[in-house]
Amino acid sequence: PPQPVHNHSTTTTMSSFISELLKPGGGIALIPFIRMTIATLLLMVIIMFIADIARIHMVILAFLAGGLLASISWFEKAWNDVQRSRSEGGASATSSIVSSAGGKEEKTD
């Protein structure tokens, strides 16, 4: 009987991708996929609303999906701002982020 063919490069690629996701901050790589998934959900909800299927439920789901898209965009913008400030300012940028987030200045080392 023929032996199954295992593609080791695919296995290595998948394991390296998963290890990248499990590193701190690695989930950021999934943002485009998450955005596309939520946008597809929103599109399907709108189509079902137009098709007159459970209209009030589709309105609520559309509101929730829109909120998810907005929160993902807000998170990505905040993440990019933090990354930019870390690369430009170092520790002083971290201190300003903490002071703006908490309302009072805290020392960060």
PDB file of N, CA and C in Angstrom:
ATOM      1  N   PRO A   1       0.832  -1.200   0.000  1.00  0.00           N
ATOM      2  CA  PRO A   1       0.000   0.000   0.000  1.00  0.00           C
ATOM      3  C   PRO A   1       0.865   1.248   0.000  1.00  0.00           C
ATOM      4  N   PRO A   2       0.450   2.276  -0.707  1.00  0.00           N
ATOM      5  CA  PRO A   2       1.239   3.508  -0.750  1.00  0.00           C
ATOM      6  C   PRO A   2       1.207   4.225   0.600  1.00  0.00           C
ATOM      7  N   GLN A   3       2.337   4.800   0.942  1.00  0.00           N
ATOM      8  CA  GLN A   3       2.468   5.543   2.192  1.00  0.00           C
ATOM      9  C   GLN A   3       1.930   6.959   2.002  1.00  0.00           C
ATOM     10  N   PRO A   4       1.258   7.521   3.035  1.00  0.00           N
ATOM     11  CA  PRO A   4       0.778   8.908   2.911  1.00  0.00           C
ATOM     12  C   PRO A   4       1.958   9.868   2.803  1.00  0.00           C
ATOM     13  N   VAL A   5       1.783  10.867   1.980  1.00  0.00           N
ATOM     14  CA  VAL A   5       2.827  11.857   1.771  1.00  0.00           C
ATOM     15  C   VAL A   5       2.625  12.992   2.773  1.00  0.00           C
ATOM     16  N   HIS A   6       3.641  13.272   3.560  1.00  0.00           N
ATOM     17  CA  HIS A   6       3.590  14.373   4.523  1.00  0.00           C
ATOM     18  C   HIS A   6       4.449  15.512   4.011  1.00  0.00           C
ATOM     19  N   ASN A   7       3.866  16.653   3.888  1.00  0.00           N
ATOM     20  CA  ASN A   7       4.600  17.822   3.449  1.00  0.00           C
ATOM     21  C   ASN A   7       5.130  18.531   4.689  1.00  0.00           C
ATOM     22  N   HIS A   8       6.428  18.375   4.956  1.00  0.00           N
ATOM     23  CA  HIS A   8       7.016  18.928   6.171  1.00  0.00           C
ATOM     24  C   HIS A   8       7.102  20.450   6.135  1.00  0.00           C
ATOM     25  N   SER A   9       7.199  21.042   4.948  1.00  0.00           N
ATOM     26  CA  SER A   9       7.276  22.504   4.880  1.00  0.00           C
ATOM     27  C   SER A   9       5.950  23.138   5.304  1.00  0.00           C
ATOM     28  N   THR A  10       4.825  22.512   4.958  1.00  0.00           N
ATOM     29  CA  THR A  10       3.521  23.021   5.380  1.00  0.00           C
ATOM     30  C   THR A  10       3.366  22.898   6.887  1.00  0.00           C
ATOM     31  N   THR A  11       3.789  21.768   7.442  1.00  0.00           N
ATOM     32  CA  THR A  11       3.713  21.558   8.880  1.00  0.00           C
ATOM     33  C   THR A  11       4.586  22.565   9.614  1.00  0.00           C
ATOM     34  N   THR A  12       5.774  22.809   9.113  1.00  0.00           N
ATOM     35  CA  THR A  12       6.678  23.774   9.731  1.00  0.00           C
ATOM     36  C   THR A  12       6.112  25.180   9.643  1.00  0.00           C
ATOM     37  N   THR A  13       5.519  25.507   8.503  1.00  0.00           N
ATOM     38  CA  THR A  13       4.935  26.836   8.334  1.00  0.00           C
ATOM     39  C   THR A  13       3.776  27.046   9.298  1.00  0.00           C
ATOM     40  N   MET A  14       2.909  26.049   9.426  1.00  0.00           N
ATOM     41  CA  MET A  14       1.774  26.158  10.338  1.00  0.00           C
ATOM     42  C   MET A  14       2.237  26.262  11.789  1.00  0.00           C
ATOM     43  N   SER A  15       3.228  25.458  12.167  1.00  0.00           N
ATOM     44  CA  SER A  15       3.695  25.506  13.553  1.00  0.00           C
ATOM     45  C   SER A  15       4.384  26.829  13.848  1.00  0.00           C
ATOM     46  N   SER A  16       5.102  27.383  12.877  1.00  0.00           N
ATOM     47  CA  SER A  16       5.734  28.685  13.111  1.00  0.00           C
ATOM     48  C   SER A  16       4.676  29.785  13.185  1.00  0.00           C
ATOM     49  N   PHE A  17       3.604  29.674  12.381  1.00  0.00           N
ATOM     50  CA  PHE A  17       2.520  30.657  12.434  1.00  0.00           C
ATOM     51  C   PHE A  17       1.822  30.599  13.788  1.00  0.00           C
ATOM     52  N   ILE A  18       1.542  29.398  14.260  1.00  0.00           N
ATOM     53  CA  ILE A  18       0.887  29.239  15.561  1.00  0.00           C
ATOM     54  C   ILE A  18       1.794  29.730  16.676  1.00  0.00           C
ATOM     55  N   SER A  19       3.086  29.447  16.606  1.00  0.00           N
ATOM     56  CA  SER A  19       3.997  29.935  17.647  1.00  0.00           C
ATOM     57  C   SER A  19       4.087  31.461  17.630  1.00  0.00           C
ATOM     58  N   GLU A  20       3.994  32.064  16.440  1.00  0.00           N
ATOM     59  CA  GLU A  20       3.974  33.529  16.362  1.00  0.00           C
ATOM     60  C   GLU A  20       2.709  34.098  16.996  1.00  0.00           C
ATOM     61  N   LEU A  21       1.577  33.409  16.798  1.00  0.00           N
ATOM     62  CA  LEU A  21       0.322  33.875  17.388  1.00  0.00           C
ATOM     63  C   LEU A  21       0.330  33.769  18.903  1.00  0.00           C
ATOM     64  N   LEU A  22       1.025  32.786  19.429  1.00  0.00           N
ATOM     65  CA  LEU A  22       1.032  32.571  20.866  1.00  0.00           C
ATOM     66  C   LEU A  22       2.016  33.468  21.603  1.00  0.00           C
ATOM     67  N   LYS A  23       2.888  34.143  20.883  1.00  0.00           N
ATOM     68  CA  LYS A  23       3.796  35.093  21.520  1.00  0.00           C
ATOM     69  C   LYS A  23       2.990  36.301  21.990  1.00  0.00           C
ATOM     70  N   PRO A  24       3.460  36.997  23.013  1.00  0.00           N
ATOM     71  CA  PRO A  24       2.759  38.220  23.440  1.00  0.00           C
ATOM     72  C   PRO A  24       2.666  39.218  22.282  1.00  0.00           C
ATOM     73  N   GLY A  25       1.467  39.683  22.007  1.00  0.00           N
ATOM     74  CA  GLY A  25       1.243  40.631  20.922  1.00  0.00           C
ATOM     75  C   GLY A  25       1.104  39.980  19.558  1.00  0.00           C
ATOM     76  N   GLY A  26       1.149  38.660  19.507  1.00  0.00           N
ATOM     77  CA  GLY A  26       1.098  37.959  18.227  1.00  0.00           C
ATOM     78  C   GLY A  26      -0.278  37.919  17.600  1.00  0.00           C
ATOM     79  N   GLY A  27      -1.320  38.094  18.393  1.00  0.00           N
ATOM     80  CA  GLY A  27      -2.683  38.050  17.871  1.00  0.00           C
ATOM     81  C   GLY A  27      -3.014  39.200  16.947  1.00  0.00           C
ATOM     82  N   ILE A  28      -2.159  40.205  16.916  1.00  0.00           N
ATOM     83  CA  ILE A  28      -2.370  41.354  16.041  1.00  0.00           C
ATOM     84  C   ILE A  28      -2.379  40.914  14.578  1.00  0.00           C
ATOM     85  N   ALA A  29      -1.677  39.832  14.280  1.00  0.00           N
ATOM     86  CA  ALA A  29      -1.638  39.332  12.895  1.00  0.00           C
ATOM     87  C   ALA A  29      -3.010  38.874  12.423  1.00  0.00           C
ATOM     88  N   LEU A  30      -3.921  38.603  13.340  1.00  0.00           N
ATOM     89  CA  LEU A  30      -5.251  38.122  12.967  1.00  0.00           C
ATOM     90  C   LEU A  30      -6.251  39.238  12.699  1.00  0.00           C
ATOM     91  N   ILE A  31      -5.883  40.479  12.929  1.00  0.00           N
ATOM     92  CA  ILE A  31      -6.832  41.590  12.779  1.00  0.00           C
ATOM     93  C   ILE A  31      -7.435  41.659  11.378  1.00  0.00           C
ATOM     94  N   PRO A  32      -6.662  41.539  10.302  1.00  0.00           N
ATOM     95  CA  PRO A  32      -7.308  41.570   8.976  1.00  0.00           C
ATOM     96  C   PRO A  32      -8.314  40.427   8.787  1.00  0.00           C
ATOM     97  N   PHE A  33      -7.991  39.244   9.270  1.00  0.00           N
ATOM     98  CA  PHE A  33      -8.917  38.114   9.168  1.00  0.00           C
ATOM     99  C   PHE A  33     -10.176  38.374   9.983  1.00  0.00           C
ATOM    100  N   ILE A  34     -10.023  38.892  11.191  1.00  0.00           N
ATOM    101  CA  ILE A  34     -11.175  39.192  12.043  1.00  0.00           C
ATOM    102  C   ILE A  34     -12.046  40.261  11.393  1.00  0.00           C
ATOM    103  N   ARG A  35     -11.423  41.300  10.855  1.00  0.00           N
ATOM    104  CA  ARG A  35     -12.176  42.368  10.193  1.00  0.00           C
ATOM    105  C   ARG A  35     -12.958  41.828   8.992  1.00  0.00           C
ATOM    106  N   MET A  36     -12.326  40.965   8.197  1.00  0.00           N
ATOM    107  CA  MET A  36     -12.997  40.390   7.032  1.00  0.00           C
ATOM    108  C   MET A  36     -14.172  39.507   7.475  1.00  0.00           C
ATOM    109  N   THR A  37     -13.991  38.737   8.519  1.00  0.00           N
ATOM    110  CA  THR A  37     -15.054  37.863   9.019  1.00  0.00           C
ATOM    111  C   THR A  37     -16.246  38.673   9.514  1.00  0.00           C
ATOM    112  N   ILE A  38     -15.990  39.723  10.273  1.00  0.00           N
ATOM    113  CA  ILE A  38     -17.078  40.547  10.799  1.00  0.00           C
ATOM    114  C   ILE A  38     -17.771  41.302   9.664  1.00  0.00           C
ATOM    115  N   ALA A  39     -17.003  41.767   8.680  1.00  0.00           N
ATOM    116  CA  ALA A  39     -17.611  42.450   7.537  1.00  0.00           C
ATOM    117  C   ALA A  39     -18.502  41.503   6.747  1.00  0.00           C
ATOM    118  N   THR A  40     -18.076  40.246   6.615  1.00  0.00           N
ATOM    119  CA  THR A  40     -18.906  39.251   5.943  1.00  0.00           C
ATOM    120  C   THR A  40     -20.186  38.994   6.737  1.00  0.00           C
ATOM    121  N   LEU A  41     -20.058  38.907   8.054  1.00  0.00           N
ATOM    122  CA  LEU A  41     -21.241  38.759   8.904  1.00  0.00           C
ATOM    123  C   LEU A  41     -22.195  39.932   8.712  1.00  0.00           C
ATOM    124  N   LEU A  42     -21.668  41.140   8.704  1.00  0.00           N
ATOM    125  CA  LEU A  42     -22.497  42.331   8.514  1.00  0.00           C
ATOM    126  C   LEU A  42     -23.196  42.306   7.162  1.00  0.00           C
ATOM    127  N   LEU A  43     -22.479  41.906   6.125  1.00  0.00           N
ATOM    128  CA  LEU A  43     -23.074  41.803   4.793  1.00  0.00           C
ATOM    129  C   LEU A  43     -24.220  40.781   4.779  1.00  0.00           C
ATOM    130  N   MET A  44     -24.002  39.637   5.382  1.00  0.00           N
ATOM    131  CA  MET A  44     -25.050  38.606   5.421  1.00  0.00           C
ATOM    132  C   MET A  44     -26.254  39.077   6.226  1.00  0.00           C
ATOM    133  N   VAL A  45     -26.021  39.791   7.303  1.00  0.00           N
ATOM    134  CA  VAL A  45     -27.125  40.308   8.116  1.00  0.00           C
ATOM    135  C   VAL A  45     -27.944  41.316   7.318  1.00  0.00           C
ATOM    136  N   ILE A  46     -27.269  42.179   6.566  1.00  0.00           N
ATOM    137  CA  ILE A  46     -27.974  43.163   5.748  1.00  0.00           C
ATOM    138  C   ILE A  46     -28.792  42.468   4.660  1.00  0.00           C
ATOM    139  N   ILE A  47     -28.208  41.444   4.035  1.00  0.00           N
ATOM    140  CA  ILE A  47     -28.938  40.694   3.009  1.00  0.00           C
ATOM    141  C   ILE A  47     -30.172  40.023   3.620  1.00  0.00           C
ATOM    142  N   MET A  48     -30.030  39.441   4.793  1.00  0.00           N
ATOM    143  CA  MET A  48     -31.168  38.790   5.441  1.00  0.00           C
ATOM    144  C   MET A  48     -32.218  39.813   5.861  1.00  0.00           C
ATOM    145  N   PHE A  49     -31.796  41.026   6.246  1.00  0.00           N
ATOM    146  CA  PHE A  49     -32.747  42.086   6.578  1.00  0.00           C
ATOM    147  C   PHE A  49     -33.560  42.473   5.348  1.00  0.00           C
ATOM    148  N   ILE A  50     -32.869  42.625   4.212  1.00  0.00           N
ATOM    149  CA  ILE A  50     -33.550  42.981   2.972  1.00  0.00           C
ATOM    150  C   ILE A  50     -34.505  41.864   2.547  1.00  0.00           C
ATOM    151  N   ALA A  51     -34.115  40.613   2.801  1.00  0.00           N
ATOM    152  CA  ALA A  51     -34.963  39.471   2.445  1.00  0.00           C
ATOM    153  C   ALA A  51     -36.107  39.278   3.433  1.00  0.00           C
ATOM    154  N   ASP A  52     -36.237  40.160   4.390  1.00  0.00           N
ATOM    155  CA  ASP A  52     -37.337  40.151   5.362  1.00  0.00           C
ATOM    156  C   ASP A  52     -37.321  38.893   6.238  1.00  0.00           C
ATOM    157  N   ILE A  53     -36.127  38.546   6.715  1.00  0.00           N
ATOM    158  CA  ILE A  53     -35.972  37.411   7.625  1.00  0.00           C
ATOM    159  C   ILE A  53     -35.635  37.962   9.007  1.00  0.00           C
ATOM    160  N   ALA A  54     -36.549  37.785   9.948  1.00  0.00           N
ATOM    161  CA  ALA A  54     -36.349  38.177  11.345  1.00  0.00           C
ATOM    162  C   ALA A  54     -35.779  39.594  11.441  1.00  0.00           C
ATOM    163  N   ARG A  55     -36.504  40.557  10.946  1.00  0.00           N
ATOM    164  CA  ARG A  55     -36.007  41.920  10.777  1.00  0.00           C
ATOM    165  C   ARG A  55     -35.435  42.530  12.056  1.00  0.00           C
ATOM    166  N   ILE A  56     -36.125  42.440  13.172  1.00  0.00           N
ATOM    167  CA  ILE A  56     -35.628  43.082  14.385  1.00  0.00           C
ATOM    168  C   ILE A  56     -34.323  42.428  14.840  1.00  0.00           C
ATOM    169  N   HIS A  57     -34.222  41.126  14.649  1.00  0.00           N
ATOM    170  CA  HIS A  57     -32.992  40.429  15.015  1.00  0.00           C
ATOM    171  C   HIS A  57     -31.829  40.867  14.127  1.00  0.00           C
ATOM    172  N   MET A  58     -32.116  41.081  12.856  1.00  0.00           N
ATOM    173  CA  MET A  58     -31.067  41.512  11.931  1.00  0.00           C
ATOM    174  C   MET A  58     -30.614  42.937  12.243  1.00  0.00           C
ATOM    175  N   VAL A  59     -31.537  43.777  12.675  1.00  0.00           N
ATOM    176  CA  VAL A  59     -31.158  45.143  13.075  1.00  0.00           C
ATOM    177  C   VAL A  59     -30.211  45.087  14.263  1.00  0.00           C
ATOM    178  N   ILE A  60     -30.551  44.258  15.244  1.00  0.00           N
ATOM    179  CA  ILE A  60     -29.709  44.146  16.430  1.00  0.00           C
ATOM    180  C   ILE A  60     -28.353  43.539  16.070  1.00  0.00           C
ATOM    181  N   LEU A  61     -28.355  42.487  15.255  1.00  0.00           N
ATOM    182  CA  LEU A  61     -27.084  41.884  14.838  1.00  0.00           C
ATOM    183  C   LEU A  61     -26.241  42.854  14.018  1.00  0.00           C
ATOM    184  N   ALA A  62     -26.870  43.654  13.171  1.00  0.00           N
ATOM    185  CA  ALA A  62     -26.131  44.638  12.387  1.00  0.00           C
ATOM    186  C   ALA A  62     -25.499  45.684  13.311  1.00  0.00           C
ATOM    187  N   PHE A  63     -26.241  46.105  14.321  1.00  0.00           N
ATOM    188  CA  PHE A  63     -25.708  47.058  15.298  1.00  0.00           C
ATOM    189  C   PHE A  63     -24.500  46.462  16.024  1.00  0.00           C
ATOM    190  N   LEU A  64     -24.616  45.209  16.443  1.00  0.00           N
ATOM    191  CA  LEU A  64     -23.511  44.549  17.146  1.00  0.00           C
ATOM    192  C   LEU A  64     -22.300  44.345  16.234  1.00  0.00           C
ATOM    193  N   ALA A  65     -22.536  43.928  14.991  1.00  0.00           N
ATOM    194  CA  ALA A  65     -21.427  43.726  14.053  1.00  0.00           C
ATOM    195  C   ALA A  65     -20.741  45.053  13.727  1.00  0.00           C
ATOM    196  N   GLY A  66     -21.531  46.113  13.571  1.00  0.00           N
ATOM    197  CA  GLY A  66     -20.937  47.436  13.341  1.00  0.00           C
ATOM    198  C   GLY A  66     -20.104  47.881  14.532  1.00  0.00           C
ATOM    199  N   GLY A  67     -20.604  47.609  15.737  1.00  0.00           N
ATOM    200  CA  GLY A  67     -19.831  47.935  16.939  1.00  0.00           C
ATOM    201  C   GLY A  67     -18.531  47.146  17.013  1.00  0.00           C
ATOM    202  N   LEU A  68     -18.579  45.883  16.618  1.00  0.00           N
ATOM    203  CA  LEU A  68     -17.359  45.081  16.589  1.00  0.00           C
ATOM    204  C   LEU A  68     -16.350  45.632  15.594  1.00  0.00           C
ATOM    205  N   LEU A  69     -16.831  46.006  14.405  1.00  0.00           N
ATOM    206  CA  LEU A  69     -15.916  46.590  13.411  1.00  0.00           C
ATOM    207  C   LEU A  69     -15.299  47.887  13.924  1.00  0.00           C
ATOM    208  N   ALA A  70     -16.120  48.721  14.563  1.00  0.00           N
ATOM    209  CA  ALA A  70     -15.604  49.979  15.101  1.00  0.00           C
ATOM    210  C   ALA A  70     -14.591  49.720  16.208  1.00  0.00           C
ATOM    211  N   SER A  71     -14.853  48.744  17.076  1.00  0.00           N
ATOM    212  CA  SER A  71     -13.923  48.475  18.170  1.00  0.00           C
ATOM    213  C   SER A  71     -12.616  47.880  17.662  1.00  0.00           C
ATOM    214  N   ILE A  72     -12.676  47.054  16.628  1.00  0.00           N
ATOM    215  CA  ILE A  72     -11.449  46.508  16.032  1.00  0.00           C
ATOM    216  C   ILE A  72     -10.625  47.635  15.423  1.00  0.00           C
ATOM    217  N   SER A  73     -11.284  48.549  14.725  1.00  0.00           N
ATOM    218  CA  SER A  73     -10.568  49.689  14.134  1.00  0.00           C
ATOM    219  C   SER A  73      -9.954  50.569  15.214  1.00  0.00           C
ATOM    220  N   TRP A  74     -10.696  50.813  16.286  1.00  0.00           N
ATOM    221  CA  TRP A  74     -10.174  51.625  17.390  1.00  0.00           C
ATOM    222  C   TRP A  74      -8.973  50.936  18.022  1.00  0.00           C
ATOM    223  N   PHE A  75      -9.071  49.632  18.257  1.00  0.00           N
ATOM    224  CA  PHE A  75      -7.965  48.892  18.862  1.00  0.00           C
ATOM    225  C   PHE A  75      -6.738  48.930  17.969  1.00  0.00           C
ATOM    226  N   GLU A  76      -6.927  48.729  16.667  1.00  0.00           N
ATOM    227  CA  GLU A  76      -5.790  48.734  15.754  1.00  0.00           C
ATOM    228  C   GLU A  76      -5.127  50.112  15.717  1.00  0.00           C
ATOM    229  N   LYS A  77      -5.923  51.180  15.740  1.00  0.00           N
ATOM    230  CA  LYS A  77      -5.358  52.531  15.754  1.00  0.00           C
ATOM    231  C   LYS A  77      -4.579  52.770  17.039  1.00  0.00           C
ATOM    232  N   ALA A  78      -5.140  52.356  18.173  1.00  0.00           N
ATOM    233  CA  ALA A  78      -4.445  52.530  19.446  1.00  0.00           C
ATOM    234  C   ALA A  78      -3.159  51.703  19.475  1.00  0.00           C
ATOM    235  N   TRP A  79      -3.200  50.503  18.963  1.00  0.00           N
ATOM    236  CA  TRP A  79      -2.016  49.639  18.917  1.00  0.00           C
ATOM    237  C   TRP A  79      -0.921  50.278  18.058  1.00  0.00           C
ATOM    238  N   ASN A  80      -1.316  50.791  16.890  1.00  0.00           N
ATOM    239  CA  ASN A  80      -0.337  51.435  16.015  1.00  0.00           C
ATOM    240  C   ASN A  80       0.244  52.684  16.664  1.00  0.00           C
ATOM    241  N   ASP A  81      -0.579  53.458  17.383  1.00  0.00           N
ATOM    242  CA  ASP A  81      -0.080  54.641  18.077  1.00  0.00           C
ATOM    243  C   ASP A  81       0.939  54.262  19.146  1.00  0.00           C
ATOM    244  N   VAL A  82       0.667  53.211  19.897  1.00  0.00           N
ATOM    245  CA  VAL A  82       1.596  52.758  20.937  1.00  0.00           C
ATOM    246  C   VAL A  82       2.894  52.277  20.309  1.00  0.00           C
ATOM    247  N   GLN A  83       2.790  51.500  19.240  1.00  0.00           N
ATOM    248  CA  GLN A  83       4.000  51.008  18.581  1.00  0.00           C
ATOM    249  C   GLN A  83       4.834  52.153  18.012  1.00  0.00           C
ATOM    250  N   ARG A  84       4.163  53.146  17.426  1.00  0.00           N
ATOM    251  CA  ARG A  84       4.868  54.298  16.868  1.00  0.00           C
ATOM    252  C   ARG A  84       5.551  55.102  17.970  1.00  0.00           C
ATOM    253  N   SER A  85       4.843  55.311  19.085  1.00  0.00           N
ATOM    254  CA  SER A  85       5.422  56.099  20.164  1.00  0.00           C
ATOM    255  C   SER A  85       6.563  55.351  20.842  1.00  0.00           C
ATOM    256  N   ARG A  86       6.481  54.029  20.910  1.00  0.00           N
ATOM    257  CA  ARG A  86       7.585  53.250  21.479  1.00  0.00           C
ATOM    258  C   ARG A  86       8.818  53.338  20.608  1.00  0.00           C
ATOM    259  N   SER A  87       8.627  53.302  19.292  1.00  0.00           N
ATOM    260  CA  SER A  87       9.785  53.359  18.402  1.00  0.00           C
ATOM    261  C   SER A  87      10.384  54.766  18.354  1.00  0.00           C
ATOM    262  N   GLU A  88       9.573  55.806  18.578  1.00  0.00           N
ATOM    263  CA  GLU A  88      10.076  57.178  18.514  1.00  0.00           C
ATOM    264  C   GLU A  88      10.608  57.679  19.852  1.00  0.00           C
ATOM    265  N   GLY A  89       9.836  57.448  20.937  1.00  0.00           N
ATOM    266  CA  GLY A  89      10.172  58.110  22.178  1.00  0.00           C
ATOM    267  C   GLY A  89      10.733  57.263  23.283  1.00  0.00           C
ATOM    268  N   GLY A  90      10.594  55.958  23.216  1.00  0.00           N
ATOM    269  CA  GLY A  90      11.111  55.120  24.280  1.00  0.00           C
ATOM    270  C   GLY A  90      10.274  55.196  25.541  1.00  0.00           C
ATOM    271  N   ALA A  91      10.930  55.351  26.692  1.00  0.00           N
ATOM    272  CA  ALA A  91      10.253  55.308  27.990  1.00  0.00           C
ATOM    273  C   ALA A  91       9.358  56.521  28.218  1.00  0.00           C
ATOM    274  N   SER A  92       9.699  57.683  27.676  1.00  0.00           N
ATOM    275  CA  SER A  92       8.866  58.866  27.893  1.00  0.00           C
ATOM    276  C   SER A  92       7.496  58.692  27.248  1.00  0.00           C
ATOM    277  N   ALA A  93       7.445  57.990  26.108  1.00  0.00           N
ATOM    278  CA  ALA A  93       6.160  57.738  25.463  1.00  0.00           C
ATOM    279  C   ALA A  93       5.301  56.801  26.301  1.00  0.00           C
ATOM    280  N   THR A  94       5.922  55.820  26.924  1.00  0.00           N
ATOM    281  CA  THR A  94       5.180  54.903  27.779  1.00  0.00           C
ATOM    282  C   THR A  94       4.598  55.648  28.961  1.00  0.00           C
ATOM    283  N   SER A  95       5.360  56.575  29.524  1.00  0.00           N
ATOM    284  CA  SER A  95       4.873  57.362  30.650  1.00  0.00           C
ATOM    285  C   SER A  95       3.687  58.223  30.241  1.00  0.00           C
ATOM    286  N   SER A  96       3.736  58.806  29.052  1.00  0.00           N
ATOM    287  CA  SER A  96       2.623  59.641  28.618  1.00  0.00           C
ATOM    288  C   SER A  96       1.385  58.807  28.320  1.00  0.00           C
ATOM    289  N   ILE A  97       1.572  57.579  27.827  1.00  0.00           N
ATOM    290  CA  ILE A  97       0.429  56.705  27.578  1.00  0.00           C
ATOM    291  C   ILE A  97      -0.242  56.337  28.887  1.00  0.00           C
ATOM    292  N   VAL A  98       0.541  56.013  29.903  1.00  0.00           N
ATOM    293  CA  VAL A  98      -0.017  55.659  31.202  1.00  0.00           C
ATOM    294  C   VAL A  98      -0.738  56.850  31.807  1.00  0.00           C
ATOM    295  N   SER A  99      -0.152  58.050  31.672  1.00  0.00           N
ATOM    296  CA  SER A  99      -0.804  59.220  32.259  1.00  0.00           C
ATOM    297  C   SER A  99      -2.086  59.560  31.538  1.00  0.00           C
ATOM    298  N   SER A 100      -2.150  59.380  30.218  1.00  0.00           N
ATOM    299  CA  SER A 100      -3.376  59.697  29.512  1.00  0.00           C
ATOM    300  C   SER A 100      -4.437  58.626  29.739  1.00  0.00           C
ATOM    301  N   ALA A 101      -4.030  57.393  29.962  1.00  0.00           N
ATOM    302  CA  ALA A 101      -5.001  56.326  30.165  1.00  0.00           C
ATOM    303  C   ALA A 101      -5.588  56.355  31.574  1.00  0.00           C
ATOM    304  N   GLY A 102      -4.762  56.659  32.570  1.00  0.00           N
ATOM    305  CA  GLY A 102      -5.219  56.568  33.937  1.00  0.00           C
ATOM    306  C   GLY A 102      -5.676  57.890  34.532  1.00  0.00           C
ATOM    307  N   GLY A 103      -5.390  58.980  33.863  1.00  0.00           N
ATOM    308  CA  GLY A 103      -5.808  60.269  34.385  1.00  0.00           C
ATOM    309  C   GLY A 103      -4.795  60.893  35.341  1.00  0.00           C
ATOM    310  N   LYS A 104      -3.884  60.086  35.894  1.00  0.00           N
ATOM    311  CA  LYS A 104      -2.842  60.639  36.748  1.00  0.00           C
ATOM    312  C   LYS A 104      -1.517  60.053  36.330  1.00  0.00           C
ATOM    313  N   GLU A 105      -0.475  60.799  36.544  1.00  0.00           N
ATOM    314  CA  GLU A 105       0.859  60.394  36.118  1.00  0.00           C
ATOM    315  C   GLU A 105       1.386  59.313  37.029  1.00  0.00           C
ATOM    316  N   GLU A 106       1.897  58.230  36.444  1.00  0.00           N
ATOM    317  CA  GLU A 106       2.528  57.177  37.188  1.00  0.00           C
ATOM    318  C   GLU A 106       3.896  56.955  36.604  1.00  0.00           C
ATOM    319  N   LYS A 107       4.848  56.588  37.449  1.00  0.00           N
ATOM    320  CA  LYS A 107       6.192  56.323  36.976  1.00  0.00           C
ATOM    321  C   LYS A 107       6.242  54.903  36.427  1.00  0.00           C
ATOM    322  N   THR A 108       6.740  54.777  35.195  1.00  0.00           N
ATOM    323  CA  THR A 108       6.895  53.452  34.600  1.00  0.00           C
ATOM    324  C   THR A 108       8.345  53.237  34.291  1.00  0.00           C
ATOM    325  N   ASP A 109       8.893  52.147  34.786  1.00  0.00           N
ATOM    326  CA  ASP A 109      10.306  51.828  34.523  1.00  0.00           C
ATOM    327  C   ASP A 109      10.447  50.576  33.731  1.00  0.00           C
TER     328      ASP A 109
END
